[in-house]
PDB file of all heavy atoms in Angstrom:
ATOM      1  N   ALA A   1     127.661  65.564 100.393  1.00  0.00           N
ATOM      2  CA  ALA A   1     126.905  66.283  99.377  1.00  0.00           C
ATOM      3  C   ALA A   1     126.091  65.306  98.533  1.00  0.00           C
ATOM      4  O   ALA A   1     126.579  64.243  98.146  1.00  0.00           O
ATOM      5  CB  ALA A   1     127.848  67.098  98.497  1.00  0.00           C
ATOM      6  N   GLY A   2     124.854  65.691  98.274  1.00  0.00           N
ATOM      7  CA  GLY A   2     123.943  64.831  97.548  1.00  0.00           C
ATOM      8  C   GLY A   2     123.112  63.935  98.432  1.00  0.00           C
ATOM      9  O   GLY A   2     122.145  63.317  97.953  1.00  0.00           O
ATOM     10  N   GLY A   3     123.445  63.867  99.695  1.00  0.00           N
ATOM     11  CA  GLY A   3     122.722  63.030 100.625  1.00  0.00           C
ATOM     12  C   GLY A   3     121.501  63.708 101.197  1.00  0.00           C
ATOM     13  O   GLY A   3     121.139  64.822 100.810  1.00  0.00           O
ATOM     14  N   SER A   4     120.876  63.033 102.145  1.00  0.00           N
ATOM     15  CA  SER A   4     119.626  63.505 102.728  1.00  0.00           C
ATOM     16  C   SER A   4     119.657  63.419 104.245  1.00  0.00           C
ATOM     17  O   SER A   4     120.347  62.580 104.828  1.00  0.00           O
ATOM     18  CB  SER A   4     118.445  62.668 102.222  1.00  0.00           C
ATOM     19  OG  SER A   4     118.285  62.778 100.823  1.00  0.00           O
ATOM     20  N   LEU A   5     118.901  64.295 104.863  1.00  0.00           N
ATOM     21  CA  LEU A   5     118.630  64.257 106.288  1.00  0.00           C
ATOM     22  C   LEU A   5     117.185  64.653 106.508  1.00  0.00           C
ATOM     23  O   LEU A   5     116.611  65.395 105.708  1.00  0.00           O
ATOM     24  CB  LEU A   5     119.523  65.229 107.061  1.00  0.00           C
ATOM     25  CG  LEU A   5     120.997  64.890 107.249  1.00  0.00           C
ATOM     26  CD1 LEU A   5     121.721  66.079 107.875  1.00  0.00           C
ATOM     27  CD2 LEU A   5     121.159  63.663 108.128  1.00  0.00           C
ATOM     28  N   ARG A   6     116.608  64.176 107.585  1.00  0.00           N
ATOM     29  CA  ARG A   6     115.293  64.639 107.999  1.00  0.00           C
ATOM     30  C   ARG A   6     115.390  65.203 109.400  1.00  0.00           C
ATOM     31  O   ARG A   6     115.722  64.488 110.348  1.00  0.00           O
ATOM     32  CB  ARG A   6     114.236  63.537 107.956  1.00  0.00           C
ATOM     33  CG  ARG A   6     112.826  64.103 108.159  1.00  0.00           C
ATOM     34  CD  ARG A   6     111.737  63.085 107.990  1.00  0.00           C
ATOM     35  NE  ARG A   6     111.526  62.295 109.192  1.00  0.00           N
ATOM     36  CZ  ARG A   6     110.373  61.730 109.516  1.00  0.00           C
ATOM     37  NH1 ARG A   6     109.316  61.867 108.701  1.00  0.00           N
ATOM     38  NH2 ARG A   6     110.277  61.020 110.623  1.00  0.00           N
ATOM     39  N   LEU A   7     115.084  66.476 109.525  1.00  0.00           N
ATOM     40  CA  LEU A   7     115.063  67.133 110.813  1.00  0.00           C
ATOM     41  C   LEU A   7     113.667  67.042 111.414  1.00  0.00           C
ATOM     42  O   LEU A   7     112.666  67.101 110.700  1.00  0.00           O
ATOM     43  CB  LEU A   7     115.461  68.607 110.683  1.00  0.00           C
ATOM     44  CG  LEU A   7     116.793  68.904 109.997  1.00  0.00           C
ATOM     45  CD1 LEU A   7     117.064  70.403 110.037  1.00  0.00           C
ATOM     46  CD2 LEU A   7     117.929  68.121 110.636  1.00  0.00           C
ATOM     47  N   SER A   8     113.620  66.914 112.717  1.00  0.00           N
ATOM     48  CA  SER A   8     112.364  66.912 113.443  1.00  0.00           C
ATOM     49  C   SER A   8     112.382  68.004 114.491  1.00  0.00           C
ATOM     50  O   SER A   8     113.438  68.344 115.030  1.00  0.00           O
ATOM     51  CB  SER A   8     112.128  65.562 114.127  1.00  0.00           C
ATOM     52  OG  SER A   8     112.040  64.515 113.191  1.00  0.00           O
ATOM     53  N   CYS A   9     111.227  68.540 114.776  1.00  0.00           N
ATOM     54  CA  CYS A   9     111.063  69.530 115.822  1.00  0.00           C
ATOM     55  C   CYS A   9     109.867  69.120 116.652  1.00  0.00           C
ATOM     56  O   CYS A   9     108.726  69.172 116.175  1.00  0.00           O
ATOM     57  CB  CYS A   9     110.868  70.922 115.220  1.00  0.00           C
ATOM     58  SG  CYS A   9     110.541  72.217 116.440  1.00  0.00           S
ATOM     59  N   ALA A  10     110.121  68.708 117.874  1.00  0.00           N
ATOM     60  CA  ALA A  10     109.071  68.271 118.777  1.00  0.00           C
ATOM     61  C   ALA A  10     108.669  69.415 119.690  1.00  0.00           C
ATOM     62  O   ALA A  10     109.527  70.061 120.292  1.00  0.00           O
ATOM     63  CB  ALA A  10     109.543  67.079 119.600  1.00  0.00           C
ATOM     64  N   ALA A  11     107.378  69.643 119.790  1.00  0.00           N
ATOM     65  CA  ALA A  11     106.845  70.733 120.591  1.00  0.00           C
ATOM     66  C   ALA A  11     106.154  70.202 121.835  1.00  0.00           C
ATOM     67  O   ALA A  11     105.517  69.145 121.814  1.00  0.00           O
ATOM     68  CB  ALA A  11     105.864  71.571 119.772  1.00  0.00           C
ATOM     69  N   SER A  12     106.274  70.944 122.904  1.00  0.00           N
ATOM     70  CA  SER A  12     105.548  70.653 124.130  1.00  0.00           C
ATOM     71  C   SER A  12     105.070  71.967 124.725  1.00  0.00           C
ATOM     72  O   SER A  12     105.527  73.041 124.350  1.00  0.00           O
ATOM     73  CB  SER A  12     106.417  69.891 125.129  1.00  0.00           C
ATOM     74  OG  SER A  12     107.557  70.649 125.496  1.00  0.00           O
ATOM     75  N   GLY A  13     104.137  71.871 125.651  1.00  0.00           N
ATOM     76  CA  GLY A  13     103.547  73.058 126.226  1.00  0.00           C
ATOM     77  C   GLY A  13     102.182  73.310 125.631  1.00  0.00           C
ATOM     78  O   GLY A  13     101.366  72.400 125.533  1.00  0.00           O
ATOM     79  N   ARG A  14     101.954  74.535 125.183  1.00  0.00           N
ATOM     80  CA  ARG A  14     100.647  74.913 124.639  1.00  0.00           C
ATOM     81  C   ARG A  14     100.515  74.490 123.183  1.00  0.00           C
ATOM     82  O   ARG A  14     100.352  75.317 122.278  1.00  0.00           O
ATOM     83  CB  ARG A  14     100.423  76.414 124.775  1.00  0.00           C
ATOM     84  CG  ARG A  14     100.330  76.905 126.208  1.00  0.00           C
ATOM     85  CD  ARG A  14      99.746  78.294 126.266  1.00  0.00           C
ATOM     86  NE  ARG A  14      98.370  78.312 125.781  1.00  0.00           N
ATOM     87  CZ  ARG A  14      97.658  79.418 125.576  1.00  0.00           C
ATOM     88  NH1 ARG A  14      98.187  80.600 125.824  1.00  0.00           N
ATOM     89  NH2 ARG A  14      96.410  79.332 125.132  1.00  0.00           N
ATOM     90  N   THR A  15     100.581  73.194 122.970  1.00  0.00           N
ATOM     91  CA  THR A  15     100.563  72.662 121.615  1.00  0.00           C
ATOM     92  C   THR A  15      99.164  72.605 121.009  1.00  0.00           C
ATOM     93  O   THR A  15      99.018  72.215 119.844  1.00  0.00           O
ATOM     94  CB  THR A  15     101.188  71.265 121.591  1.00  0.00           C
ATOM     95  OG1 THR A  15     100.537  70.432 122.538  1.00  0.00           O
ATOM     96  CG2 THR A  15     102.671  71.345 121.937  1.00  0.00           C
ATOM     97  N   PHE A  16      98.145  72.982 121.781  1.00  0.00           N
ATOM     98  CA  PHE A  16      96.798  73.035 121.239  1.00  0.00           C
ATOM     99  C   PHE A  16      96.556  74.301 120.436  1.00  0.00           C
ATOM    100  O   PHE A  16      95.558  74.421 119.736  1.00  0.00           O
ATOM    101  CB  PHE A  16      95.757  72.931 122.364  1.00  0.00           C
ATOM    102  CG  PHE A  16      95.942  73.934 123.466  1.00  0.00           C
ATOM    103  CD1 PHE A  16      95.407  75.206 123.363  1.00  0.00           C
ATOM    104  CD2 PHE A  16      96.650  73.602 124.607  1.00  0.00           C
ATOM    105  CE1 PHE A  16      95.573  76.143 124.376  1.00  0.00           C
ATOM    106  CE2 PHE A  16      96.834  74.515 125.626  1.00  0.00           C
ATOM    107  CZ  PHE A  16      96.301  75.784 125.510  1.00  0.00           C
ATOM    108  N   SER A  17      97.458  75.253 120.524  1.00  0.00           N
ATOM    109  CA  SER A  17      97.319  76.495 119.787  1.00  0.00           C
ATOM    110  C   SER A  17      97.654  76.294 118.316  1.00  0.00           C
ATOM    111  O   SER A  17      98.397  75.384 117.949  1.00  0.00           O
ATOM    112  CB  SER A  17      98.219  77.577 120.382  1.00  0.00           C
ATOM    113  OG  SER A  17      97.850  77.861 121.718  1.00  0.00           O
ATOM    114  N   ARG A  18      97.110  77.163 117.490  1.00  0.00           N
ATOM    115  CA  ARG A  18      97.291  77.064 116.047  1.00  0.00           C
ATOM    116  C   ARG A  18      98.551  77.810 115.623  1.00  0.00           C
ATOM    117  O   ARG A  18      98.498  78.898 115.059  1.00  0.00           O
ATOM    118  CB  ARG A  18      96.075  77.602 115.314  1.00  0.00           C
ATOM    119  CG  ARG A  18      94.820  76.766 115.483  1.00  0.00           C
ATOM    120  CD  ARG A  18      93.748  77.221 114.528  1.00  0.00           C
ATOM    121  NE  ARG A  18      92.597  76.350 114.536  1.00  0.00           N
ATOM    122  CZ  ARG A  18      91.789  76.152 113.512  1.00  0.00           C
ATOM    123  NH1 ARG A  18      92.021  76.788 112.371  1.00  0.00           N
ATOM    124  NH2 ARG A  18      90.758  75.341 113.616  1.00  0.00           N
ATOM    125  N   TYR A  19      99.680  77.192 115.898  1.00  0.00           N
ATOM    126  CA  TYR A  19     100.955  77.792 115.548  1.00  0.00           C
ATOM    127  C   TYR A  19     101.365  77.465 114.128  1.00  0.00           C
ATOM    128  O   TYR A  19     101.332  76.305 113.711  1.00  0.00           O
ATOM    129  CB  TYR A  19     102.049  77.305 116.495  1.00  0.00           C
ATOM    130  CG  TYR A  19     101.941  77.830 117.901  1.00  0.00           C
ATOM    131  CD1 TYR A  19     101.420  77.043 118.916  1.00  0.00           C
ATOM    132  CD2 TYR A  19     102.381  79.110 118.210  1.00  0.00           C
ATOM    133  CE1 TYR A  19     101.326  77.523 120.211  1.00  0.00           C
ATOM    134  CE2 TYR A  19     102.295  79.598 119.506  1.00  0.00           C
ATOM    135  CZ  TYR A  19     101.763  78.798 120.494  1.00  0.00           C
ATOM    136  OH  TYR A  19     101.677  79.279 121.777  1.00  0.00           O
ATOM    137  N   GLY A  20     101.747  78.479 113.391  1.00  0.00           N
ATOM    138  CA  GLY A  20     102.528  78.236 112.204  1.00  0.00           C
ATOM    139  C   GLY A  20     103.942  77.867 112.626  1.00  0.00           C
ATOM    140  O   GLY A  20     104.401  78.238 113.710  1.00  0.00           O
ATOM    141  N   MET A  21     104.630  77.148 111.775  1.00  0.00           N
ATOM    142  CA  MET A  21     105.978  76.697 112.105  1.00  0.00           C
ATOM    143  C   MET A  21     106.937  77.055 110.984  1.00  0.00           C
ATOM    144  O   MET A  21     106.573  77.001 109.803  1.00  0.00           O
ATOM    145  CB  MET A  21     106.010  75.193 112.342  1.00  0.00           C
ATOM    146  CG  MET A  21     105.151  74.718 113.497  1.00  0.00           C
ATOM    147  SD  MET A  21     105.741  75.317 115.108  1.00  0.00           S
ATOM    148  CE  MET A  21     107.346  74.523 115.192  1.00  0.00           C
ATOM    149  N   GLY A  22     108.134  77.392 111.363  1.00  0.00           N
ATOM    150  CA  GLY A  22     109.158  77.713 110.395  1.00  0.00           C
ATOM    151  C   GLY A  22     110.475  77.048 110.724  1.00  0.00           C
ATOM    152  O   GLY A  22     110.733  76.662 111.869  1.00  0.00           O
ATOM    153  N   TRP A  23     111.286  76.905 109.710  1.00  0.00           N
ATOM    154  CA  TRP A  23     112.666  76.474 109.852  1.00  0.00           C
ATOM    155  C   TRP A  23     113.570  77.592 109.364  1.00  0.00           C
ATOM    156  O   TRP A  23     113.341  78.174 108.300  1.00  0.00           O
ATOM    157  CB  TRP A  23     112.963  75.209 109.047  1.00  0.00           C
ATOM    158  CG  TRP A  23     112.398  73.954 109.623  1.00  0.00           C
ATOM    159  CD1 TRP A  23     111.229  73.348 109.291  1.00  0.00           C
ATOM    160  CD2 TRP A  23     113.008  73.141 110.630  1.00  0.00           C
ATOM    161  NE1 TRP A  23     111.056  72.201 110.029  1.00  0.00           N
ATOM    162  CE2 TRP A  23     112.133  72.050 110.856  1.00  0.00           C
ATOM    163  CE3 TRP A  23     114.197  73.219 111.358  1.00  0.00           C
ATOM    164  CZ2 TRP A  23     112.420  71.047 111.790  1.00  0.00           C
ATOM    165  CZ3 TRP A  23     114.472  72.230 112.285  1.00  0.00           C
ATOM    166  CH2 TRP A  23     113.590  71.162 112.491  1.00  0.00           C
ATOM    167  N   PHE A  24     114.589  77.878 110.145  1.00  0.00           N
ATOM    168  CA  PHE A  24     115.616  78.840 109.802  1.00  0.00           C
ATOM    169  C   PHE A  24     116.973  78.183 109.960  1.00  0.00           C
ATOM    170  O   PHE A  24     117.103  77.157 110.617  1.00  0.00           O
ATOM    171  CB  PHE A  24     115.523  80.080 110.702  1.00  0.00           C
ATOM    172  CG  PHE A  24     114.303  80.921 110.455  1.00  0.00           C
ATOM    173  CD1 PHE A  24     113.066  80.525 110.936  1.00  0.00           C
ATOM    174  CD2 PHE A  24     114.398  82.109 109.749  1.00  0.00           C
ATOM    175  CE1 PHE A  24     111.937  81.299 110.716  1.00  0.00           C
ATOM    176  CE2 PHE A  24     113.281  82.894 109.526  1.00  0.00           C
ATOM    177  CZ  PHE A  24     112.050  82.483 110.007  1.00  0.00           C
ATOM    178  N   ARG A  25     117.973  78.793 109.378  1.00  0.00           N
ATOM    179  CA  ARG A  25     119.327  78.282 109.546  1.00  0.00           C
ATOM    180  C   ARG A  25     120.296  79.446 109.679  1.00  0.00           C
ATOM    181  O   ARG A  25     120.048  80.553 109.205  1.00  0.00           O
ATOM    182  CB  ARG A  25     119.736  77.376 108.385  1.00  0.00           C
ATOM    183  CG  ARG A  25     119.851  78.076 107.035  1.00  0.00           C
ATOM    184  CD  ARG A  25     120.052  77.047 105.935  1.00  0.00           C
ATOM    185  NE  ARG A  25     120.246  77.668 104.630  1.00  0.00           N
ATOM    186  CZ  ARG A  25     120.304  77.002 103.491  1.00  0.00           C
ATOM    187  NH1 ARG A  25     120.191  75.670 103.493  1.00  0.00           N
ATOM    188  NH2 ARG A  25     120.487  77.652 102.354  1.00  0.00           N
ATOM    189  N   GLN A  26     121.405  79.162 110.334  1.00  0.00           N
ATOM    190  CA  GLN A  26     122.409  80.182 110.552  1.00  0.00           C
ATOM    191  C   GLN A  26     123.797  79.558 110.489  1.00  0.00           C
ATOM    192  O   GLN A  26     124.113  78.653 111.259  1.00  0.00           O
ATOM    193  CB  GLN A  26     122.206  80.873 111.901  1.00  0.00           C
ATOM    194  CG  GLN A  26     123.090  82.084 112.113  1.00  0.00           C
ATOM    195  CD  GLN A  26     122.641  82.920 113.293  1.00  0.00           C
ATOM    196  OE1 GLN A  26     121.975  82.424 114.201  1.00  0.00           O
ATOM    197  NE2 GLN A  26     122.999  84.190 113.282  1.00  0.00           N
ATOM    198  N   ALA A  27     124.589  80.040 109.563  1.00  0.00           N
ATOM    199  CA  ALA A  27     125.977  79.626 109.446  1.00  0.00           C
ATOM    200  C   ALA A  27     126.853  80.594 110.225  1.00  0.00           C
ATOM    201  O   ALA A  27     126.467  81.741 110.466  1.00  0.00           O
ATOM    202  CB  ALA A  27     126.391  79.588 107.979  1.00  0.00           C
ATOM    203  N   PRO A  28     128.042  80.172 110.633  1.00  0.00           N
ATOM    204  CA  PRO A  28     128.920  81.066 111.398  1.00  0.00           C
ATOM    205  C   PRO A  28     129.173  82.384 110.684  1.00  0.00           C
ATOM    206  O   PRO A  28     129.496  82.410 109.494  1.00  0.00           O
ATOM    207  CB  PRO A  28     130.205  80.251 111.533  1.00  0.00           C
ATOM    208  CG  PRO A  28     129.758  78.835 111.458  1.00  0.00           C
ATOM    209  CD  PRO A  28     128.619  78.839 110.473  1.00  0.00           C
ATOM    210  N   GLY A  29     129.003  83.478 111.405  1.00  0.00           N
ATOM    211  CA  GLY A  29     129.248  84.788 110.854  1.00  0.00           C
ATOM    212  C   GLY A  29     128.183  85.313 109.915  1.00  0.00           C
ATOM    213  O   GLY A  29     128.365  86.373 109.321  1.00  0.00           O
ATOM    214  N   LYS A  30     127.073  84.601 109.778  1.00  0.00           N
ATOM    215  CA  LYS A  30     126.018  85.003 108.865  1.00  0.00           C
ATOM    216  C   LYS A  30     124.716  85.231 109.617  1.00  0.00           C
ATOM    217  O   LYS A  30     124.535  84.771 110.749  1.00  0.00           O
ATOM    218  CB  LYS A  30     125.818  83.952 107.776  1.00  0.00           C
ATOM    219  CG  LYS A  30     127.047  83.713 106.915  1.00  0.00           C
ATOM    220  CD  LYS A  30     126.812  82.657 105.860  1.00  0.00           C
ATOM    221  CE  LYS A  30     125.847  83.122 104.805  1.00  0.00           C
ATOM    222  NZ  LYS A  30     125.697  82.119 103.711  1.00  0.00           N
ATOM    223  N   GLU A  31     123.812  85.951 108.989  1.00  0.00           N
ATOM    224  CA  GLU A  31     122.502  86.214 109.561  1.00  0.00           C
ATOM    225  C   GLU A  31     121.640  84.956 109.532  1.00  0.00           C
ATOM    226  O   GLU A  31     121.833  84.066 108.690  1.00  0.00           O
ATOM    227  CB  GLU A  31     121.805  87.331 108.799  1.00  0.00           C
ATOM    228  CG  GLU A  31     122.437  88.699 108.977  1.00  0.00           C
ATOM    229  CD  GLU A  31     122.123  89.274 110.328  1.00  0.00           C
ATOM    230  OE1 GLU A  31     120.953  89.649 110.560  1.00  0.00           O
ATOM    231  OE2 GLU A  31     123.040  89.356 111.159  1.00  0.00           O
ATOM    232  N   ARG A  32     120.699  84.908 110.449  1.00  0.00           N
ATOM    233  CA  ARG A  32     119.738  83.819 110.433  1.00  0.00           C
ATOM    234  C   ARG A  32     118.880  83.922 109.171  1.00  0.00           C
ATOM    235  O   ARG A  32     118.343  84.985 108.853  1.00  0.00           O
ATOM    236  CB  ARG A  32     118.868  83.859 111.683  1.00  0.00           C
ATOM    237  CG  ARG A  32     118.002  82.631 111.862  1.00  0.00           C
ATOM    238  CD  ARG A  32     117.514  82.507 113.297  1.00  0.00           C
ATOM    239  NE  ARG A  32     118.623  82.312 114.224  1.00  0.00           N
ATOM    240  CZ  ARG A  32     118.480  81.979 115.494  1.00  0.00           C
ATOM    241  NH1 ARG A  32     117.277  81.795 116.001  1.00  0.00           N
ATOM    242  NH2 ARG A  32     119.546  81.842 116.276  1.00  0.00           N
ATOM    243  N   GLU A  33     118.733  82.815 108.478  1.00  0.00           N
ATOM    244  CA  GLU A  33     118.139  82.776 107.155  1.00  0.00           C
ATOM    245  C   GLU A  33     116.892  81.911 107.146  1.00  0.00           C
ATOM    246  O   GLU A  33     116.899  80.782 107.647  1.00  0.00           O
ATOM    247  CB  GLU A  33     119.166  82.228 106.150  1.00  0.00           C
ATOM    248  CG  GLU A  33     118.654  82.031 104.742  1.00  0.00           C
ATOM    249  CD  GLU A  33     119.644  81.288 103.870  1.00  0.00           C
ATOM    250  OE1 GLU A  33     120.546  80.624 104.420  1.00  0.00           O
ATOM    251  OE2 GLU A  33     119.522  81.376 102.633  1.00  0.00           O
ATOM    252  N   PHE A  34     115.835  82.413 106.551  1.00  0.00           N
ATOM    253  CA  PHE A  34     114.610  81.639 106.379  1.00  0.00           C
ATOM    254  C   PHE A  34     114.844  80.449 105.470  1.00  0.00           C
ATOM    255  O   PHE A  34     115.516  80.564 104.439  1.00  0.00           O
ATOM    256  CB  PHE A  34     113.511  82.525 105.790  1.00  0.00           C
ATOM    257  CG  PHE A  34     112.311  81.762 105.334  1.00  0.00           C
ATOM    258  CD1 PHE A  34     111.405  81.258 106.254  1.00  0.00           C
ATOM    259  CD2 PHE A  34     112.084  81.544 103.988  1.00  0.00           C
ATOM    260  CE1 PHE A  34     110.296  80.543 105.838  1.00  0.00           C
ATOM    261  CE2 PHE A  34     110.977  80.837 103.559  1.00  0.00           C
ATOM    262  CZ  PHE A  34     110.078  80.329 104.490  1.00  0.00           C
ATOM    263  N   VAL A  35     114.274  79.313 105.841  1.00  0.00           N
ATOM    264  CA  VAL A  35     114.385  78.100 105.038  1.00  0.00           C
ATOM    265  C   VAL A  35     113.019  77.648 104.529  1.00  0.00           C
ATOM    266  O   VAL A  35     112.821  77.468 103.328  1.00  0.00           O
ATOM    267  CB  VAL A  35     115.044  76.959 105.831  1.00  0.00           C
ATOM    268  CG1 VAL A  35     115.067  75.675 105.008  1.00  0.00           C
ATOM    269  CG2 VAL A  35     116.457  77.352 106.250  1.00  0.00           C
ATOM    270  N   ALA A  36     112.073  77.459 105.442  1.00  0.00           N
ATOM    271  CA  ALA A  36     110.757  76.952 105.071  1.00  0.00           C
ATOM    272  C   ALA A  36     109.769  77.266 106.178  1.00  0.00           C
ATOM    273  O   ALA A  36     110.147  77.467 107.333  1.00  0.00           O
ATOM    274  CB  ALA A  36     110.795  75.443 104.816  1.00  0.00           C
ATOM    275  N   ALA A  37     108.485  77.295 105.834  1.00  0.00           N
ATOM    276  CA  ALA A  37     107.438  77.527 106.816  1.00  0.00           C
ATOM    277  C   ALA A  37     106.172  76.801 106.397  1.00  0.00           C
ATOM    278  O   ALA A  37     105.954  76.526 105.214  1.00  0.00           O
ATOM    279  CB  ALA A  37     107.160  79.025 106.981  1.00  0.00           C
ATOM    280  N   ILE A  38     105.324  76.514 107.384  1.00  0.00           N
ATOM    281  CA  ILE A  38     104.084  75.797 107.135  1.00  0.00           C
ATOM    282  C   ILE A  38     103.012  76.291 108.091  1.00  0.00           C
ATOM    283  O   ILE A  38     103.279  76.527 109.270  1.00  0.00           O
ATOM    284  CB  ILE A  38     104.306  74.270 107.272  1.00  0.00           C
ATOM    285  CG1 ILE A  38     103.052  73.486 106.863  1.00  0.00           C
ATOM    286  CG2 ILE A  38     104.752  73.910 108.690  1.00  0.00           C
ATOM    287  CD1 ILE A  38     103.306  71.988 106.738  1.00  0.00           C
ATOM    288  N   ARG A  39     101.798  76.459 107.582  1.00  0.00           N
ATOM    289  CA  ARG A  39     100.690  76.870 108.426  1.00  0.00           C
ATOM    290  C   ARG A  39     100.184  75.700 109.261  1.00  0.00           C
ATOM    291  O   ARG A  39     100.472  74.532 108.973  1.00  0.00           O
ATOM    292  CB  ARG A  39      99.560  77.456 107.579  1.00  0.00           C
ATOM    293  CG  ARG A  39      99.952  78.737 106.855  1.00  0.00           C
ATOM    294  CD  ARG A  39      98.760  79.371 106.166  1.00  0.00           C
ATOM    295  NE  ARG A  39      99.152  80.516 105.376  1.00  0.00           N
ATOM    296  CZ  ARG A  39      99.277  81.743 105.854  1.00  0.00           C
ATOM    297  NH1 ARG A  39      99.033  81.998 107.145  1.00  0.00           N
ATOM    298  NH2 ARG A  39      99.650  82.739 105.061  1.00  0.00           N
ATOM    299  N   TRP A  40      99.407  76.008 110.284  1.00  0.00           N
ATOM    300  CA  TRP A  40      98.907  74.997 111.199  1.00  0.00           C
ATOM    301  C   TRP A  40      98.150  73.900 110.469  1.00  0.00           C
ATOM    302  O   TRP A  40      98.289  72.716 110.786  1.00  0.00           O
ATOM    303  CB  TRP A  40      98.006  75.653 112.253  1.00  0.00           C
ATOM    304  CG  TRP A  40      97.412  74.694 113.235  1.00  0.00           C
ATOM    305  CD1 TRP A  40      97.967  74.258 114.392  1.00  0.00           C
ATOM    306  CD2 TRP A  40      96.133  74.057 113.136  1.00  0.00           C
ATOM    307  NE1 TRP A  40      97.121  73.385 115.027  1.00  0.00           N
ATOM    308  CE2 TRP A  40      95.981  73.248 114.281  1.00  0.00           C
ATOM    309  CE3 TRP A  40      95.095  74.099 112.195  1.00  0.00           C
ATOM    310  CZ2 TRP A  40      94.839  72.476 114.510  1.00  0.00           C
ATOM    311  CZ3 TRP A  40      93.961  73.328 112.427  1.00  0.00           C
ATOM    312  CH2 TRP A  40      93.842  72.539 113.567  1.00  0.00           C
ATOM    313  N   SER A  41      97.341  74.257 109.486  1.00  0.00           N
ATOM    314  CA  SER A  41      96.528  73.294 108.764  1.00  0.00           C
ATOM    315  C   SER A  41      97.345  72.387 107.851  1.00  0.00           C
ATOM    316  O   SER A  41      96.855  71.352 107.406  1.00  0.00           O
ATOM    317  CB  SER A  41      95.477  74.018 107.929  1.00  0.00           C
ATOM    318  OG  SER A  41      96.101  74.762 106.895  1.00  0.00           O
ATOM    319  N   GLY A  42      98.567  72.784 107.558  1.00  0.00           N
ATOM    320  CA  GLY A  42      99.357  72.097 106.559  1.00  0.00           C
ATOM    321  C   GLY A  42      99.172  72.663 105.163  1.00  0.00           C
ATOM    322  O   GLY A  42     100.001  72.411 104.287  1.00  0.00           O
TER     323      GLY A  42
END
């Protein structure tokens, strides 16, 4: 607790498309929860 991590998500395939990206999380027994999102442009 109090520490830091950096998650990465590497994409392959049709990466030329203008995809928005999101991060979600899911704990055991719980619904998938929105965390953060970013548009293609940043």
